[in-house]
Full PDB file with SEQRES, HELIX, SHEET, SSBOND, CRYST1, ORIGX, SCALE, CONECT and MASTER records, all heavy atoms in Angstrom:
SEQRES   1 A   41  ILE THR ALA MET ASP GLU PHE ALA GLU LEU GLU GLN ALA          
SEQRES   2 A   41  GLN ALA ALA VAL ARG ALA ALA SER VAL ARG LEU LYS LEU          
SEQRES   3 A   41  ALA ILE ARG SER ASN ALA GLU LEU THR ALA LEU GLU GLU          
SEQRES   4 A   41  LEU ARG                                                      
HELIX    1 AA1 ASP A    5  SER A   30  1                                  26    
HELIX    2 AA2 ALA A   32  LEU A   40  1                                   9    
CRYST1    1.000    1.000    1.000  90.00  90.00  90.00 P 1           1          
ORIGX1      1.000000  0.000000  0.000000        0.00000                         
ORIGX2      0.000000  1.000000  0.000000        0.00000                         
ORIGX3      0.000000  0.000000  1.000000        0.00000                         
SCALE1      1.000000  0.000000  0.000000        0.00000                         
SCALE2      0.000000  1.000000  0.000000        0.00000                         
SCALE3      0.000000  0.000000  1.000000        0.00000                         
ATOM      1  N   ILE A   1       0.845  -1.204  -0.007  1.00  0.00           N  
ATOM      2  CA  ILE A   1       0.000  -0.015  -0.016  1.00  0.00           C  
ATOM      3  C   ILE A   1       0.880   1.233   0.002  1.00  0.00           C  
ATOM      4  O   ILE A   1       0.627   2.197  -0.751  1.00  0.00           O  
ATOM      5  CB  ILE A   1      -0.993  -0.023   1.184  1.00  0.00           C  
ATOM      6  CG1 ILE A   1      -2.049  -1.082   0.975  1.00  0.00           C  
ATOM      7  CG2 ILE A   1      -1.623   1.380   1.382  1.00  0.00           C  
ATOM      8  CD1 ILE A   1      -2.945  -1.313   2.194  1.00  0.00           C  
ATOM      9  N   THR A   2       1.853   1.264   0.870  1.00  0.00           N  
ATOM     10  CA  THR A   2       2.713   2.498   0.976  1.00  0.00           C  
ATOM     11  C   THR A   2       3.569   2.706  -0.292  1.00  0.00           C  
ATOM     12  O   THR A   2       4.046   3.805  -0.518  1.00  0.00           O  
ATOM     13  CB  THR A   2       3.598   2.450   2.228  1.00  0.00           C  
ATOM     14  OG1 THR A   2       4.379   1.260   2.200  1.00  0.00           O  
ATOM     15  CG2 THR A   2       2.763   2.474   3.471  1.00  0.00           C  
ATOM     16  N   ALA A   3       3.736   1.676  -1.109  1.00  0.00           N  
ATOM     17  CA  ALA A   3       4.496   1.816  -2.343  1.00  0.00           C  
ATOM     18  C   ALA A   3       3.638   2.344  -3.489  1.00  0.00           C  
ATOM     19  O   ALA A   3       4.166   2.723  -4.565  1.00  0.00           O  
ATOM     20  CB  ALA A   3       5.093   0.463  -2.743  1.00  0.00           C  
ATOM     21  N   MET A   4       2.316   2.413  -3.301  1.00  0.00           N  
ATOM     22  CA  MET A   4       1.426   2.861  -4.374  1.00  0.00           C  
ATOM     23  C   MET A   4       1.528   4.347  -4.592  1.00  0.00           C  
ATOM     24  O   MET A   4       1.733   5.130  -3.631  1.00  0.00           O  
ATOM     25  CB  MET A   4      -0.006   2.502  -4.002  1.00  0.00           C  
ATOM     26  CG  MET A   4      -0.282   1.003  -3.921  1.00  0.00           C  
ATOM     27  SD  MET A   4      -1.916   0.614  -3.341  1.00  0.00           S  
ATOM     28  CE  MET A   4      -2.843   0.889  -4.890  1.00  0.00           C  
ATOM     29  N   ASP A   5       1.422   4.775  -5.851  1.00  0.00           N  
ATOM     30  CA  ASP A   5       1.447   6.205  -6.174  1.00  0.00           C  
ATOM     31  C   ASP A   5       0.314   6.965  -5.443  1.00  0.00           C  
ATOM     32  O   ASP A   5       0.492   8.068  -5.018  1.00  0.00           O  
ATOM     33  CB  ASP A   5       1.312   6.422  -7.682  1.00  0.00           C  
ATOM     34  CG  ASP A   5       2.525   5.923  -8.437  1.00  0.00           C  
ATOM     35  OD1 ASP A   5       3.612   5.759  -7.853  1.00  0.00           O  
ATOM     36  OD2 ASP A   5       2.387   5.673  -9.691  1.00  0.00           O  
ATOM     37  N   GLU A   6      -0.853   6.325  -5.378  1.00  0.00           N  
ATOM     38  CA  GLU A   6      -2.008   6.930  -4.724  1.00  0.00           C  
ATOM     39  C   GLU A   6      -1.743   7.213  -3.259  1.00  0.00           C  
ATOM     40  O   GLU A   6      -2.200   8.204  -2.725  1.00  0.00           O  
ATOM     41  CB  GLU A   6      -3.272   6.038  -4.869  1.00  0.00           C  
ATOM     42  CG  GLU A   6      -3.764   5.890  -6.270  1.00  0.00           C  
ATOM     43  CD  GLU A   6      -3.028   4.850  -7.113  1.00  0.00           C  
ATOM     44  OE1 GLU A   6      -2.044   4.233  -6.624  1.00  0.00           O  
ATOM     45  OE2 GLU A   6      -3.422   4.613  -8.257  1.00  0.00           O  
ATOM     46  N   PHE A   7      -0.952   6.355  -2.612  1.00  0.00           N  
ATOM     47  CA  PHE A   7      -0.617   6.574  -1.205  1.00  0.00           C  
ATOM     48  C   PHE A   7       0.246   7.849  -1.095  1.00  0.00           C  
ATOM     49  O   PHE A   7       0.043   8.670  -0.176  1.00  0.00           O  
ATOM     50  CB  PHE A   7       0.117   5.377  -0.633  1.00  0.00           C  
ATOM     51  CG  PHE A   7       0.363   5.502   0.836  1.00  0.00           C  
ATOM     52  CD1 PHE A   7      -0.640   5.216   1.782  1.00  0.00           C  
ATOM     53  CD2 PHE A   7       1.575   5.878   1.334  1.00  0.00           C  
ATOM     54  CE1 PHE A   7      -0.426   5.323   3.133  1.00  0.00           C  
ATOM     55  CE2 PHE A   7       1.804   6.034   2.687  1.00  0.00           C  
ATOM     56  CZ  PHE A   7       0.830   5.731   3.597  1.00  0.00           C  
ATOM     57  N   ALA A   8       1.226   7.973  -1.981  1.00  0.00           N  
ATOM     58  CA  ALA A   8       2.050   9.177  -1.980  1.00  0.00           C  
ATOM     59  C   ALA A   8       1.217  10.438  -2.214  1.00  0.00           C  
ATOM     60  O   ALA A   8       1.438  11.474  -1.573  1.00  0.00           O  
ATOM     61  CB  ALA A   8       3.176   9.067  -3.007  1.00  0.00           C  
ATOM     62  N   GLU A   9       0.274  10.326  -3.138  1.00  0.00           N  
ATOM     63  CA  GLU A   9      -0.596  11.449  -3.413  1.00  0.00           C  
ATOM     64  C   GLU A   9      -1.446  11.807  -2.185  1.00  0.00           C  
ATOM     65  O   GLU A   9      -1.663  12.988  -1.870  1.00  0.00           O  
ATOM     66  CB  GLU A   9      -1.535  11.118  -4.580  1.00  0.00           C  
ATOM     67  CG  GLU A   9      -0.853  11.059  -5.919  1.00  0.00           C  
ATOM     68  CD  GLU A   9      -1.780  10.555  -7.055  1.00  0.00           C  
ATOM     69  OE1 GLU A   9      -3.038  10.563  -6.845  1.00  0.00           O  
ATOM     70  OE2 GLU A   9      -1.265  10.182  -8.074  1.00  0.00           O  
ATOM     71  N   LEU A  10      -1.934  10.784  -1.479  1.00  0.00           N  
ATOM     72  CA  LEU A  10      -2.717  11.012  -0.258  1.00  0.00           C  
ATOM     73  C   LEU A  10      -1.866  11.711   0.786  1.00  0.00           C  
ATOM     74  O   LEU A  10      -2.322  12.660   1.430  1.00  0.00           O  
ATOM     75  CB  LEU A  10      -3.241   9.703   0.271  1.00  0.00           C  
ATOM     76  CG  LEU A  10      -3.973   9.777   1.646  1.00  0.00           C  
ATOM     77  CD1 LEU A  10      -5.239  10.608   1.515  1.00  0.00           C  
ATOM     78  CD2 LEU A  10      -4.297   8.363   2.149  1.00  0.00           C  
ATOM     79  N   GLU A  11      -0.663  11.269   0.965  1.00  0.00           N  
ATOM     80  CA  GLU A  11       0.240  11.906   1.990  1.00  0.00           C  
ATOM     81  C   GLU A  11       0.463  13.362   1.601  1.00  0.00           C  
ATOM     82  O   GLU A  11       0.468  14.243   2.477  1.00  0.00           O  
ATOM     83  CB  GLU A  11       1.555  11.155   2.085  1.00  0.00           C  
ATOM     84  CG  GLU A  11       1.406   9.855   2.853  1.00  0.00           C  
ATOM     85  CD  GLU A  11       2.739   9.205   3.103  1.00  0.00           C  
ATOM     86  OE1 GLU A  11       3.626   9.280   2.233  1.00  0.00           O  
ATOM     87  OE2 GLU A  11       2.912   8.683   4.226  1.00  0.00           O  
ATOM     88  N   GLN A  12       0.662  13.631   0.324  1.00  0.00           N  
ATOM     89  CA  GLN A  12       0.906  15.034  -0.120  1.00  0.00           C  
ATOM     90  C   GLN A  12      -0.356  15.852   0.105  1.00  0.00           C  
ATOM     91  O   GLN A  12      -0.278  17.019   0.602  1.00  0.00           O  
ATOM     92  CB  GLN A  12       1.288  15.058  -1.587  1.00  0.00           C  
ATOM     93  CG  GLN A  12       2.644  14.499  -1.863  1.00  0.00           C  
ATOM     94  CD  GLN A  12       2.928  14.366  -3.355  1.00  0.00           C  
ATOM     95  OE1 GLN A  12       2.097  14.555  -4.204  1.00  0.00           O  
ATOM     96  NE2 GLN A  12       4.152  13.953  -3.687  1.00  0.00           N  
ATOM     97  N   ALA A  13      -1.512  15.295  -0.184  1.00  0.00           N  
ATOM     98  CA  ALA A  13      -2.742  16.045   0.033  1.00  0.00           C  
ATOM     99  C   ALA A  13      -2.997  16.292   1.506  1.00  0.00           C  
ATOM    100  O   ALA A  13      -3.417  17.406   1.902  1.00  0.00           O  
ATOM    101  CB  ALA A  13      -3.920  15.250  -0.558  1.00  0.00           C  
ATOM    102  N   GLN A  14      -2.697  15.334   2.363  1.00  0.00           N  
ATOM    103  CA  GLN A  14      -2.856  15.541   3.798  1.00  0.00           C  
ATOM    104  C   GLN A  14      -1.891  16.597   4.305  1.00  0.00           C  
ATOM    105  O   GLN A  14      -2.288  17.423   5.149  1.00  0.00           O  
ATOM    106  CB  GLN A  14      -2.637  14.227   4.545  1.00  0.00           C  
ATOM    107  CG  GLN A  14      -3.765  13.240   4.378  1.00  0.00           C  
ATOM    108  CD  GLN A  14      -3.438  11.871   4.972  1.00  0.00           C  
ATOM    109  OE1 GLN A  14      -2.315  11.456   5.083  1.00  0.00           O  
ATOM    110  NE2 GLN A  14      -4.501  11.175   5.350  1.00  0.00           N  
ATOM    111  N   ALA A  15      -0.709  16.619   3.794  1.00  0.00           N  
ATOM    112  CA  ALA A  15       0.255  17.676   4.199  1.00  0.00           C  
ATOM    113  C   ALA A  15      -0.247  19.047   3.743  1.00  0.00           C  
ATOM    114  O   ALA A  15      -0.125  20.033   4.490  1.00  0.00           O  
ATOM    115  CB  ALA A  15       1.625  17.372   3.602  1.00  0.00           C  
ATOM    116  N   ALA A  16      -0.805  19.117   2.550  1.00  0.00           N  
ATOM    117  CA  ALA A  16      -1.352  20.390   2.047  1.00  0.00           C  
ATOM    118  C   ALA A  16      -2.517  20.851   2.900  1.00  0.00           C  
ATOM    119  O   ALA A  16      -2.624  22.031   3.216  1.00  0.00           O  
ATOM    120  CB  ALA A  16      -1.789  20.223   0.591  1.00  0.00           C  
ATOM    121  N   VAL A  17      -3.353  19.916   3.310  1.00  0.00           N  
ATOM    122  CA  VAL A  17      -4.532  20.273   4.196  1.00  0.00           C  
ATOM    123  C   VAL A  17      -3.998  20.804   5.522  1.00  0.00           C  
ATOM    124  O   VAL A  17      -4.500  21.771   6.066  1.00  0.00           O  
ATOM    125  CB  VAL A  17      -5.456  19.090   4.380  1.00  0.00           C  
ATOM    126  CG1 VAL A  17      -6.450  19.321   5.489  1.00  0.00           C  
ATOM    127  CG2 VAL A  17      -6.188  18.780   3.085  1.00  0.00           C  
ATOM    128  N   ARG A  18      -2.972  20.113   6.133  1.00  0.00           N  
ATOM    129  CA  ARG A  18      -2.448  20.577   7.372  1.00  0.00           C  
ATOM    130  C   ARG A  18      -1.865  21.974   7.249  1.00  0.00           C  
ATOM    131  O   ARG A  18      -2.058  22.853   8.106  1.00  0.00           O  
ATOM    132  CB  ARG A  18      -1.390  19.596   7.895  1.00  0.00           C  
ATOM    133  CG  ARG A  18      -1.986  18.330   8.482  1.00  0.00           C  
ATOM    134  CD  ARG A  18      -0.946  17.487   9.188  1.00  0.00           C  
ATOM    135  NE  ARG A  18       0.100  16.984   8.318  1.00  0.00           N  
ATOM    136  CZ  ARG A  18       0.048  15.854   7.613  1.00  0.00           C  
ATOM    137  NH1 ARG A  18      -0.988  15.084   7.718  1.00  0.00           N  
ATOM    138  NH2 ARG A  18       1.058  15.485   6.859  1.00  0.00           N  
ATOM    139  N   ALA A  19      -1.115  22.219   6.163  1.00  0.00           N  
ATOM    140  CA  ALA A  19      -0.562  23.544   5.957  1.00  0.00           C  
ATOM    141  C   ALA A  19      -1.645  24.593   5.755  1.00  0.00           C  
ATOM    142  O   ALA A  19      -1.555  25.693   6.327  1.00  0.00           O  
ATOM    143  CB  ALA A  19       0.386  23.494   4.752  1.00  0.00           C  
ATOM    144  N   ALA A  20      -2.671  24.263   5.016  1.00  0.00           N  
ATOM    145  CA  ALA A  20      -3.764  25.196   4.806  1.00  0.00           C  
ATOM    146  C   ALA A  20      -4.492  25.487   6.114  1.00  0.00           C  
ATOM    147  O   ALA A  20      -4.909  26.614   6.384  1.00  0.00           O  
ATOM    148  CB  ALA A  20      -4.735  24.660   3.762  1.00  0.00           C  
ATOM    149  N   SER A  21      -4.632  24.475   6.948  1.00  0.00           N  
ATOM    150  CA  SER A  21      -5.274  24.644   8.238  1.00  0.00           C  
ATOM    151  C   SER A  21      -4.473  25.661   9.102  1.00  0.00           C  
ATOM    152  O   SER A  21      -5.075  26.524   9.757  1.00  0.00           O  
ATOM    153  CB  SER A  21      -5.404  23.303   8.935  1.00  0.00           C  
ATOM    154  OG  SER A  21      -5.951  23.443  10.215  1.00  0.00           O  
ATOM    155  N   VAL A  22      -3.200  25.527   9.081  1.00  0.00           N  
ATOM    156  CA  VAL A  22      -2.339  26.401   9.866  1.00  0.00           C  
ATOM    157  C   VAL A  22      -2.458  27.845   9.330  1.00  0.00           C  
ATOM    158  O   VAL A  22      -2.637  28.799  10.092  1.00  0.00           O  
ATOM    159  CB  VAL A  22      -0.836  25.968   9.840  1.00  0.00           C  
ATOM    160  CG1 VAL A  22       0.071  27.031  10.362  1.00  0.00           C  
ATOM    161  CG2 VAL A  22      -0.676  24.683  10.610  1.00  0.00           C  
ATOM    162  N   ARG A  23      -2.449  27.983   8.001  1.00  0.00           N  
ATOM    163  CA  ARG A  23      -2.598  29.327   7.418  1.00  0.00           C  
ATOM    164  C   ARG A  23      -3.961  29.914   7.734  1.00  0.00           C  
ATOM    165  O   ARG A  23      -4.063  31.130   8.043  1.00  0.00           O  
ATOM    166  CB  ARG A  23      -2.384  29.259   5.875  1.00  0.00           C  
ATOM    167  CG  ARG A  23      -0.943  28.997   5.466  1.00  0.00           C  
ATOM    168  CD  ARG A  23      -0.754  29.236   3.969  1.00  0.00           C  
ATOM    169  NE  ARG A  23      -1.621  28.446   3.123  1.00  0.00           N  
ATOM    170  CZ  ARG A  23      -1.406  27.220   2.734  1.00  0.00           C  
ATOM    171  NH1 ARG A  23      -0.287  26.607   3.081  1.00  0.00           N  
ATOM    172  NH2 ARG A  23      -2.270  26.589   1.929  1.00  0.00           N  
ATOM    173  N   LEU A  24      -5.008  29.113   7.722  1.00  0.00           N  
ATOM    174  CA  LEU A  24      -6.334  29.618   8.051  1.00  0.00           C  
ATOM    175  C   LEU A  24      -6.387  30.071   9.497  1.00  0.00           C  
ATOM    176  O   LEU A  24      -6.956  31.107   9.795  1.00  0.00           O  
ATOM    177  CB  LEU A  24      -7.379  28.526   7.792  1.00  0.00           C  
ATOM    178  CG  LEU A  24      -8.812  28.877   8.184  1.00  0.00           C  
ATOM    179  CD1 LEU A  24      -9.327  30.096   7.401  1.00  0.00           C  
ATOM    180  CD2 LEU A  24      -9.753  27.671   7.996  1.00  0.00           C  
ATOM    181  N   LYS A  25      -5.870  29.250  10.416  1.00  0.00           N  
ATOM    182  CA  LYS A  25      -5.849  29.682  11.806  1.00  0.00           C  
ATOM    183  C   LYS A  25      -5.141  31.009  12.037  1.00  0.00           C  
ATOM    184  O   LYS A  25      -5.571  31.858  12.775  1.00  0.00           O  
ATOM    185  CB  LYS A  25      -5.218  28.567  12.692  1.00  0.00           C  
ATOM    186  CG  LYS A  25      -6.104  27.339  12.814  1.00  0.00           C  
ATOM    187  CD  LYS A  25      -5.388  26.265  13.625  1.00  0.00           C  
ATOM    188  CE  LYS A  25      -6.240  25.011  13.670  1.00  0.00           C  
ATOM    189  NZ  LYS A  25      -5.566  23.900  14.355  1.00  0.00           N  
ATOM    190  N   LEU A  26      -3.997  31.165  11.336  1.00  0.00           N  
ATOM    191  CA  LEU A  26      -3.248  32.424  11.438  1.00  0.00           C  
ATOM    192  C   LEU A  26      -4.020  33.571  10.853  1.00  0.00           C  
ATOM    193  O   LEU A  26      -4.070  34.666  11.435  1.00  0.00           O  
ATOM    194  CB  LEU A  26      -1.877  32.301  10.770  1.00  0.00           C  
ATOM    195  CG  LEU A  26      -0.892  31.348  11.420  1.00  0.00           C  
ATOM    196  CD1 LEU A  26       0.329  31.170  10.542  1.00  0.00           C  
ATOM    197  CD2 LEU A  26      -0.515  31.903  12.778  1.00  0.00           C  
ATOM    198  N   ALA A  27      -4.678  33.353   9.741  1.00  0.00           N  
ATOM    199  CA  ALA A  27      -5.507  34.383   9.122  1.00  0.00           C  
ATOM    200  C   ALA A  27      -6.685  34.795   9.995  1.00  0.00           C  
ATOM    201  O   ALA A  27      -7.006  35.958  10.125  1.00  0.00           O  
ATOM    202  CB  ALA A  27      -6.017  33.915   7.770  1.00  0.00           C  
ATOM    203  N   ILE A  28      -7.299  33.796  10.647  1.00  0.00           N  
ATOM    204  CA  ILE A  28      -8.424  34.099  11.553  1.00  0.00           C  
ATOM    205  C   ILE A  28      -7.948  34.936  12.721  1.00  0.00           C  
ATOM    206  O   ILE A  28      -8.579  35.903  13.111  1.00  0.00           O  
ATOM    207  CB  ILE A  28      -9.080  32.758  12.030  1.00  0.00           C  
ATOM    208  CG1 ILE A  28      -9.851  32.155  10.870  1.00  0.00           C  
ATOM    209  CG2 ILE A  28      -9.959  33.030  13.237  1.00  0.00           C  
ATOM    210  CD1 ILE A  28     -10.364  30.740  11.169  1.00  0.00           C  
ATOM    211  N   ARG A  29      -6.792  34.562  13.278  1.00  0.00           N  
ATOM    212  CA  ARG A  29      -6.239  35.304  14.419  1.00  0.00           C  
ATOM    213  C   ARG A  29      -5.856  36.733  14.060  1.00  0.00           C  
ATOM    214  O   ARG A  29      -5.932  37.622  14.902  1.00  0.00           O  
ATOM    215  CB  ARG A  29      -5.041  34.589  14.994  1.00  0.00           C  
ATOM    216  CG  ARG A  29      -5.418  33.296  15.744  1.00  0.00           C  
ATOM    217  CD  ARG A  29      -4.190  32.671  16.369  1.00  0.00           C  
ATOM    218  NE  ARG A  29      -4.527  31.377  16.891  1.00  0.00           N  
ATOM    219  CZ  ARG A  29      -3.742  30.309  16.844  1.00  0.00           C  
ATOM    220  NH1 ARG A  29      -2.527  30.420  16.312  1.00  0.00           N  
ATOM    221  NH2 ARG A  29      -4.143  29.148  17.318  1.00  0.00           N  
ATOM    222  N   SER A  30      -5.459  36.940  12.811  1.00  0.00           N  
ATOM    223  CA  SER A  30      -5.020  38.283  12.413  1.00  0.00           C  
ATOM    224  C   SER A  30      -6.144  39.111  11.850  1.00  0.00           C  
ATOM    225  O   SER A  30      -5.941  40.282  11.556  1.00  0.00           O  
ATOM    226  CB  SER A  30      -3.850  38.189  11.403  1.00  0.00           C  
ATOM    227  OG  SER A  30      -4.329  37.589  10.202  1.00  0.00           O  
ATOM    228  N   ASN A  31      -7.366  38.532  11.752  1.00  0.00           N  
ATOM    229  CA  ASN A  31      -8.504  39.280  11.217  1.00  0.00           C  
ATOM    230  C   ASN A  31      -9.165  40.062  12.376  1.00  0.00           C  
ATOM    231  O   ASN A  31      -9.662  39.424  13.346  1.00  0.00           O  
ATOM    232  CB  ASN A  31      -9.474  38.295  10.574  1.00  0.00           C  
ATOM    233  CG  ASN A  31     -10.675  38.986   9.950  1.00  0.00           C  
ATOM    234  OD1 ASN A  31     -11.444  39.631  10.627  1.00  0.00           O  
ATOM    235  ND2 ASN A  31     -10.767  38.841   8.650  1.00  0.00           N  
ATOM    236  N   ALA A  32      -9.172  41.370  12.244  1.00  0.00           N  
ATOM    237  CA  ALA A  32      -9.687  42.217  13.348  1.00  0.00           C  
ATOM    238  C   ALA A  32     -11.172  41.937  13.652  1.00  0.00           C  
ATOM    239  O   ALA A  32     -11.576  41.879  14.809  1.00  0.00           O  
ATOM    240  CB  ALA A  32      -9.484  43.703  12.988  1.00  0.00           C  
ATOM    241  N   GLU A  33     -11.995  41.819  12.597  1.00  0.00           N  
ATOM    242  CA  GLU A  33     -13.429  41.590  12.825  1.00  0.00           C  
ATOM    243  C   GLU A  33     -13.666  40.242  13.525  1.00  0.00           C  
ATOM    244  O   GLU A  33     -14.456  40.148  14.454  1.00  0.00           O  
ATOM    245  CB  GLU A  33     -14.165  41.630  11.507  1.00  0.00           C  
ATOM    246  CG  GLU A  33     -15.640  41.519  11.655  1.00  0.00           C  
ATOM    247  CD  GLU A  33     -16.428  41.654  10.309  1.00  0.00           C  
ATOM    248  OE1 GLU A  33     -15.784  41.847   9.286  1.00  0.00           O  
ATOM    249  OE2 GLU A  33     -17.647  41.586  10.367  1.00  0.00           O  
ATOM    250  N   LEU A  34     -12.916  39.225  13.091  1.00  0.00           N  
ATOM    251  CA  LEU A  34     -13.063  37.902  13.735  1.00  0.00           C  
ATOM    252  C   LEU A  34     -12.587  37.926  15.156  1.00  0.00           C  
ATOM    253  O   LEU A  34     -13.188  37.293  16.041  1.00  0.00           O  
ATOM    254  CB  LEU A  34     -12.350  36.814  12.928  1.00  0.00           C  
ATOM    255  CG  LEU A  34     -13.017  36.424  11.630  1.00  0.00           C  
ATOM    256  CD1 LEU A  34     -12.065  35.517  10.811  1.00  0.00           C  
ATOM    257  CD2 LEU A  34     -14.331  35.743  11.885  1.00  0.00           C  
ATOM    258  N   THR A  35     -11.517  38.671  15.410  1.00  0.00           N  
ATOM    259  CA  THR A  35     -11.005  38.810  16.790  1.00  0.00           C  
ATOM    260  C   THR A  35     -12.043  39.509  17.680  1.00  0.00           C  
ATOM    261  O   THR A  35     -12.300  39.091  18.806  1.00  0.00           O  
ATOM    262  CB  THR A  35      -9.704  39.595  16.814  1.00  0.00           C  
ATOM    263  OG1 THR A  35      -8.745  38.900  15.995  1.00  0.00           O  
ATOM    264  CG2 THR A  35      -9.145  39.772  18.203  1.00  0.00           C  
ATOM    265  N   ALA A  36     -12.668  40.572  17.143  1.00  0.00           N  
ATOM    266  CA  ALA A  36     -13.675  41.258  17.924  1.00  0.00           C  
ATOM    267  C   ALA A  36     -14.870  40.359  18.203  1.00  0.00           C  
ATOM    268  O   ALA A  36     -15.429  40.347  19.310  1.00  0.00           O  
ATOM    269  CB  ALA A  36     -14.114  42.541  17.163  1.00  0.00           C  
ATOM    270  N   LEU A  37     -15.298  39.579  17.200  1.00  0.00           N  
ATOM    271  CA  LEU A  37     -16.413  38.668  17.381  1.00  0.00           C  
ATOM    272  C   LEU A  37     -16.079  37.576  18.411  1.00  0.00           C  
ATOM    273  O   LEU A  37     -16.922  37.207  19.229  1.00  0.00           O  
ATOM    274  CB  LEU A  37     -16.799  37.999  16.050  1.00  0.00           C  
ATOM    275  CG  LEU A  37     -17.579  38.900  15.077  1.00  0.00           C  
ATOM    276  CD1 LEU A  37     -17.739  38.177  13.744  1.00  0.00           C  
ATOM    277  CD2 LEU A  37     -18.912  39.313  15.675  1.00  0.00           C  
ATOM    278  N   GLU A  38     -14.851  37.136  18.417  1.00  0.00           N  
ATOM    279  CA  GLU A  38     -14.425  36.119  19.389  1.00  0.00           C  
ATOM    280  C   GLU A  38     -14.466  36.676  20.788  1.00  0.00           C  
ATOM    281  O   GLU A  38     -14.941  36.040  21.728  1.00  0.00           O  
ATOM    282  CB  GLU A  38     -13.029  35.583  19.050  1.00  0.00           C  
ATOM    283  CG  GLU A  38     -12.493  34.569  20.038  1.00  0.00           C  
ATOM    284  CD  GLU A  38     -13.361  33.304  20.125  1.00  0.00           C  
ATOM    285  OE1 GLU A  38     -14.151  32.997  19.223  1.00  0.00           O  
ATOM    286  OE2 GLU A  38     -13.236  32.597  21.154  1.00  0.00           O  
ATOM    287  N   GLU A  39     -14.031  37.901  20.939  1.00  0.00           N  
ATOM    288  CA  GLU A  39     -14.082  38.553  22.272  1.00  0.00           C  
ATOM    289  C   GLU A  39     -15.544  38.725  22.707  1.00  0.00           C  
ATOM    290  O   GLU A  39     -15.870  38.495  23.861  1.00  0.00           O  
ATOM    291  CB  GLU A  39     -13.340  39.885  22.243  1.00  0.00           C  
ATOM    292  CG  GLU A  39     -11.851  39.769  22.124  1.00  0.00           C  
ATOM    293  CD  GLU A  39     -11.119  41.087  21.880  1.00  0.00           C  
ATOM    294  OE1 GLU A  39     -11.803  42.142  21.821  1.00  0.00           O  
ATOM    295  OE2 GLU A  39      -9.898  41.066  21.784  1.00  0.00           O  
ATOM    296  N   LEU A  40     -16.399  39.122  21.789  1.00  0.00           N  
ATOM    297  CA  LEU A  40     -17.800  39.295  22.102  1.00  0.00           C  
ATOM    298  C   LEU A  40     -18.410  37.951  22.464  1.00  0.00           C  
ATOM    299  O   LEU A  40     -19.193  37.869  23.432  1.00  0.00           O  
ATOM    300  CB  LEU A  40     -18.549  39.918  20.888  1.00  0.00           C  
ATOM    301  CG  LEU A  40     -20.022  40.208  21.080  1.00  0.00           C  
ATOM    302  CD1 LEU A  40     -20.259  41.184  22.213  1.00  0.00           C  
ATOM    303  CD2 LEU A  40     -20.602  40.693  19.756  1.00  0.00           C  
ATOM    304  N   ARG A  41     -18.062  36.924  21.755  1.00  0.00           N  
ATOM    305  CA  ARG A  41     -18.572  35.583  22.068  1.00  0.00           C  
ATOM    306  C   ARG A  41     -18.139  35.144  23.462  1.00  0.00           C  
ATOM    307  O   ARG A  41     -18.953  34.632  24.225  1.00  0.00           O  
ATOM    308  CB  ARG A  41     -18.072  34.565  21.028  1.00  0.00           C  
ATOM    309  CG  ARG A  41     -18.685  33.165  21.215  1.00  0.00           C  
ATOM    310  CD  ARG A  41     -17.892  32.097  20.516  1.00  0.00           C  
ATOM    311  NE  ARG A  41     -16.540  31.948  21.037  1.00  0.00           N  
ATOM    312  CZ  ARG A  41     -16.237  31.254  22.172  1.00  0.00           C  
ATOM    313  NH1 ARG A  41     -17.201  30.710  22.889  1.00  0.00           N  
ATOM    314  NH2 ARG A  41     -14.971  31.156  22.574  1.00  0.00           N  
TER     315      ARG A  41                                                      
MASTER        0    0    0    2    0    0    0    6  314    1    0    4          
END                                                                             
């Protein structure tokens, strides 16, 4: 299974999702309106 091309593609896609998740979290934290809403919440 780990030798399959599809497995390598899956690992790359998972890494891309993790990186996008980190970027999204940083963008949310740096967004003033979202920060204000979080404080209000």
